[in-house]
Protein backbone atom coordinates (compact mmCIF):
# COMPACT_ATOMS: atom_id res chain seq x y z
CA MET A 1 0.00 0.00 0.00
CA ARG A 2 1.22 3.51 -0.78
CA CYS A 3 2.16 6.01 1.92
CA LEU A 4 0.51 9.42 1.41
CA ALA A 5 0.20 12.51 3.57
CA LEU A 6 -2.51 15.09 2.96
CA LEU A 7 -1.47 18.39 4.55
CA CYS A 8 -4.42 20.77 4.96
CA ARG A 9 -4.51 24.39 5.96
CA HIS A 10 -7.58 25.25 8.02
CA GLY A 11 -10.42 27.24 6.45
CA ASN A 12 -11.36 30.89 6.78
CA THR A 13 -11.37 32.58 10.18
CA PHE A 14 -12.42 36.02 8.91
CA ASN A 15 -15.76 36.92 7.37
CA SER A 16 -15.96 39.11 4.32
CA GLY A 17 -15.39 42.75 5.24
CA GLU A 18 -13.66 42.03 8.56
CA MET A 19 -10.19 43.43 9.19
CA VAL A 20 -7.58 40.74 8.54
CA PHE A 21 -4.63 40.52 10.92
CA MET A 22 -1.71 38.21 11.70
CA VAL A 23 -3.13 35.14 13.39
CA GLY A 24 -0.74 33.00 15.38
CA ALA A 25 -0.70 30.75 18.43
CA ARG A 26 -2.22 33.44 20.67
CA GLU A 27 -5.19 34.11 18.38
CA ASP A 28 -7.46 31.11 18.87
CA LEU A 29 -10.12 31.99 16.31
CA PRO A 30 -12.89 29.57 15.34
CA LEU A 31 -13.77 28.82 11.73
CA THR A 32 -16.34 30.98 10.04
CA ASP A 33 -19.35 29.35 8.41
CA TYR A 34 -17.46 29.44 5.13
CA GLY A 35 -14.41 27.93 6.84
CA ARG A 36 -16.54 24.98 7.89
CA THR A 37 -17.86 24.70 4.34
CA GLN A 38 -14.26 24.55 3.09
CA ALA A 39 -13.58 21.67 5.51
CA SER A 40 -16.70 19.85 4.32
CA GLN A 41 -15.70 20.28 0.68
CA MET A 42 -12.26 18.85 1.42
CA GLY A 43 -13.90 15.90 3.14
CA GLU A 44 -16.05 15.20 0.08
CA VAL A 45 -12.91 15.12 -2.07
CA VAL A 46 -11.14 12.54 0.11
CA LYS A 47 -14.24 10.41 0.76
CA SER A 48 -13.08 7.66 -1.61
CA TRP A 49 -9.87 7.42 0.40
CA ALA A 50 -11.66 7.11 3.77
CA PRO A 51 -10.93 3.36 4.18
CA MET A 52 -7.24 4.06 3.58
CA VAL A 53 -6.92 6.84 6.18
CA VAL A 54 -4.70 5.60 8.98
CA ALA A 55 -4.30 8.78 11.05
CA VAL A 56 -5.80 12.26 11.41
CA LEU A 57 -3.64 14.84 13.17
CA ALA A 58 -4.48 18.46 13.93
CA GLY A 59 -3.04 21.42 15.77
CA PRO A 60 -4.64 22.29 19.12
CA LEU A 61 -6.28 25.59 18.11
CA GLN A 62 -9.97 25.79 17.26
CA ARG A 63 -9.44 26.54 13.58
CA THR A 64 -7.40 23.39 13.01
CA SER A 65 -9.23 20.95 15.28
CA GLN A 66 -12.63 22.08 13.97
CA TYR A 67 -11.48 21.76 10.38
CA ALA A 68 -10.23 18.21 10.99
CA SER A 69 -13.50 17.17 12.67
CA VAL A 70 -15.72 18.59 9.92
CA LEU A 71 -13.51 17.06 7.22
CA CYS A 72 -13.72 13.63 8.85
CA SER A 73 -17.49 13.85 9.21
CA ALA A 74 -17.94 14.82 5.54
CA ALA A 75 -15.57 12.07 4.38
CA GLY A 76 -17.01 9.33 6.58
CA ILE A 77 -13.67 8.89 8.35
CA HIS A 78 -14.28 7.23 11.70
CA ARG A 79 -11.01 8.04 13.40
CA HIS A 80 -10.23 10.08 16.47
CA VAL A 81 -8.55 13.39 15.65
CA VAL A 82 -5.19 13.36 17.43
CA ILE A 83 -4.13 16.79 18.69
CA ASP A 84 -0.43 17.28 18.03
CA GLU A 85 1.44 20.23 19.54
CA ARG A 86 3.95 20.07 16.68
CA LEU A 87 1.16 21.47 14.51
CA LEU A 88 0.50 24.51 16.70
CA GLU A 89 0.89 27.67 14.64
CA PHE A 90 3.81 29.95 15.45
CA ASP A 91 3.58 32.71 17.99
CA TYR A 92 4.45 35.71 15.84
CA GLY A 93 5.55 37.84 18.78
CA PRO A 94 5.06 41.61 18.23
CA TRP A 95 3.43 40.90 14.85
CA SER A 96 0.59 38.89 16.42
CA GLY A 97 -2.78 40.56 16.00
CA LEU A 98 -1.45 43.27 13.68
CA SER A 99 -2.72 44.14 10.21
CA SER A 100 -0.30 44.24 7.27
CA ASP A 101 -0.21 48.04 7.49
CA GLU A 102 0.64 47.88 11.19
CA ILE A 103 3.37 45.31 10.59
CA THR A 104 4.82 47.52 7.86
CA GLN A 105 4.88 50.46 10.25
CA LEU A 106 6.63 48.34 12.88
CA SER A 107 9.15 46.40 10.78
CA GLY A 108 9.07 47.85 7.27
CA GLU A 109 7.55 46.68 4.03
CA GLU A 110 10.58 44.59 3.05
CA ALA A 111 10.49 42.52 6.25
CA LEU A 112 6.84 41.64 5.66
CA ARG A 113 7.45 40.89 1.98
CA ARG A 114 10.37 38.57 2.73
CA TRP A 115 8.30 36.59 5.22
CA GLN A 116 5.30 36.34 2.91
CA GLU A 117 7.20 35.61 -0.30
CA GLU A 118 10.40 33.90 0.91
CA SER A 119 9.55 32.53 4.39
CA ILE A 120 12.47 34.52 5.84
CA ARG A 121 11.86 35.53 9.45
CA PRO A 122 12.12 39.26 10.17
CA PRO A 123 15.21 40.61 11.94
CA GLY A 124 14.59 41.72 15.51
CA ILE A 125 11.25 39.89 15.73
CA SER A 126 11.19 36.57 17.57
CA PHE A 127 8.80 33.91 16.35
CA VAL A 128 8.21 30.96 18.68
CA PRO A 129 9.37 28.22 18.33
CA ASP A 130 12.75 29.14 16.91
CA GLU A 131 13.78 27.83 13.50
CA VAL A 132 15.93 24.97 14.82
CA THR A 133 13.11 23.65 17.03
CA VAL A 134 10.57 23.92 14.24
CA ARG A 135 12.84 22.07 11.83
CA HIS A 136 13.37 19.21 14.30
CA GLN A 137 9.63 18.96 15.00
CA SER A 138 8.83 18.92 11.29
CA GLU A 139 11.44 16.27 10.54
CA ASP A 140 10.18 14.09 13.40
CA LEU A 141 6.59 14.38 12.20
CA LEU A 142 7.46 13.48 8.61
CA LYS A 143 9.52 10.51 9.83
CA GLU A 144 6.57 9.22 11.85
CA LEU A 145 4.18 9.62 8.92
CA SER A 146 6.57 7.73 6.63
CA ARG A 147 6.12 4.59 8.74
CA GLN A 148 2.36 4.38 8.12
CA GLU A 149 1.00 2.78 4.97
CA GLY A 150 -2.14 4.46 3.72
CA MET A 151 -3.12 8.12 3.94
CA SER A 152 -2.40 10.36 6.92
CA ILE A 153 -4.33 13.63 7.15
CA VAL A 154 -2.61 16.56 8.84
CA VAL A 155 -4.36 19.87 9.57
CA SER A 156 -2.29 22.89 10.54
CA SER A 157 -1.64 26.54 9.71
CA ASN A 158 0.41 28.39 7.14
CA GLY A 159 3.62 28.77 9.15
CA ARG A 160 3.87 25.10 10.05
CA LEU A 161 2.97 23.92 6.56
CA ARG A 162 5.66 26.17 5.07
CA GLU A 163 8.22 24.43 7.27
CA LEU A 164 7.05 20.96 6.26
CA GLY A 165 7.48 21.94 2.61
CA LYS A 166 10.99 23.22 3.29
CA CYS A 167 11.86 19.92 4.99
CA VAL A 168 10.77 17.95 1.94
CA MET A 169 12.60 20.25 -0.50
CA PRO A 170 15.33 22.03 1.50
CA GLN A 171 17.11 23.38 -1.60
CA SER A 172 14.00 25.03 -3.01
CA LYS A 173 13.47 28.80 -2.82
CA ASP A 174 9.70 28.32 -2.87
CA PRO A 175 8.05 29.89 0.21
CA PHE A 176 5.62 26.92 0.32
CA ARG A 177 2.67 29.13 1.19
CA VAL A 178 -0.74 27.47 1.50
CA ARG A 179 -4.03 29.33 1.13
CA THR A 180 -6.85 28.81 3.62
CA GLY A 181 -8.83 25.71 2.76
CA ALA A 182 -6.15 24.38 0.38
CA ALA A 183 -4.11 21.21 0.72
CA CYS A 184 -0.80 19.60 -0.21
CA LEU A 185 -0.33 15.96 -1.18
CA LEU A 186 2.90 14.10 -0.41
CA GLU A 187 3.97 10.54 -1.19
CA TYR A 188 6.71 8.60 0.57
CA ALA A 189 8.59 6.37 -1.85
CA ASN A 190 12.19 5.27 -2.30
CA SER A 191 13.07 6.49 1.21
CA SER A 192 12.00 10.10 0.66
CA TRP A 193 8.94 12.32 0.57
CA ASN A 194 7.85 13.70 -2.79
CA ILE A 195 5.38 16.51 -3.43
CA LEU A 196 2.53 15.45 -5.74
CA GLY A 197 0.85 18.84 -5.40
CA TRP A 198 1.17 21.95 -3.23
CA ASP A 199 -1.39 24.61 -2.29
CA LEU A 200 -4.14 22.72 -4.09
CA PRO A 201 -7.73 23.99 -4.15
CA VAL A 202 -10.28 21.21 -3.83
CA HIS A 203 -10.87 20.79 -7.58
CA ASP A 204 -7.14 20.33 -8.26
CA LEU A 205 -6.77 17.88 -5.38
CA ARG A 206 -9.75 15.91 -6.70
CA ARG A 207 -8.08 15.61 -10.09
CA ILE A 208 -4.80 14.36 -8.58
CA LEU A 209 -6.57 11.82 -6.36
CA GLU A 210 -8.58 10.55 -9.32
CA LEU A 211 -5.27 9.88 -11.08
CA ASN A 212 -4.02 8.09 -7.96
CA PRO A 213 -6.96 5.89 -6.87
CA PRO A 214 -6.81 3.94 -3.59
CA GLU A 215 -5.15 0.55 -3.98
């Protein structure tokens, strides 16, 4: 049986028209109604894989644990959602709770751009955990997932998913950003993880899964 990992970013936490700000470990926002719809749509896409799902992991915040639960319900996956602290979104320190304009005023436009487009942490701003800790946690998680035949579903946030992408392809300059409600599909083969698709909306994920039916 193949070894696959479906990495999902939680759905929307802001309603249309609301001010968007940096959401980290300290901002425990629930999903909006649309965010729950996004989780349900993802569940419908993976429904055919439900018998092959061997684990469902989620970060401890509401937006990730709720997304995982709704996804499982929509997909008919009867597995307990395991809360994993290694999937807790970063604490963005002084940036937490700030809008993009406020972050620019604090740290400059270039610092924000480099984080958004290159995943480079801003100078003088401490994110928690530090980069070394995050890398070790990500490597440990991927190693554990590689031992399980079938599909593992992992629900986290943008910062953590970026780091998982960097672990799979450390030489890449891609920032490995993931939009809310999107997913990434990995396969473990020949002793390494390979990316079958990154930042996939549901229709693109459906197409990839149709080309890779459950065995």
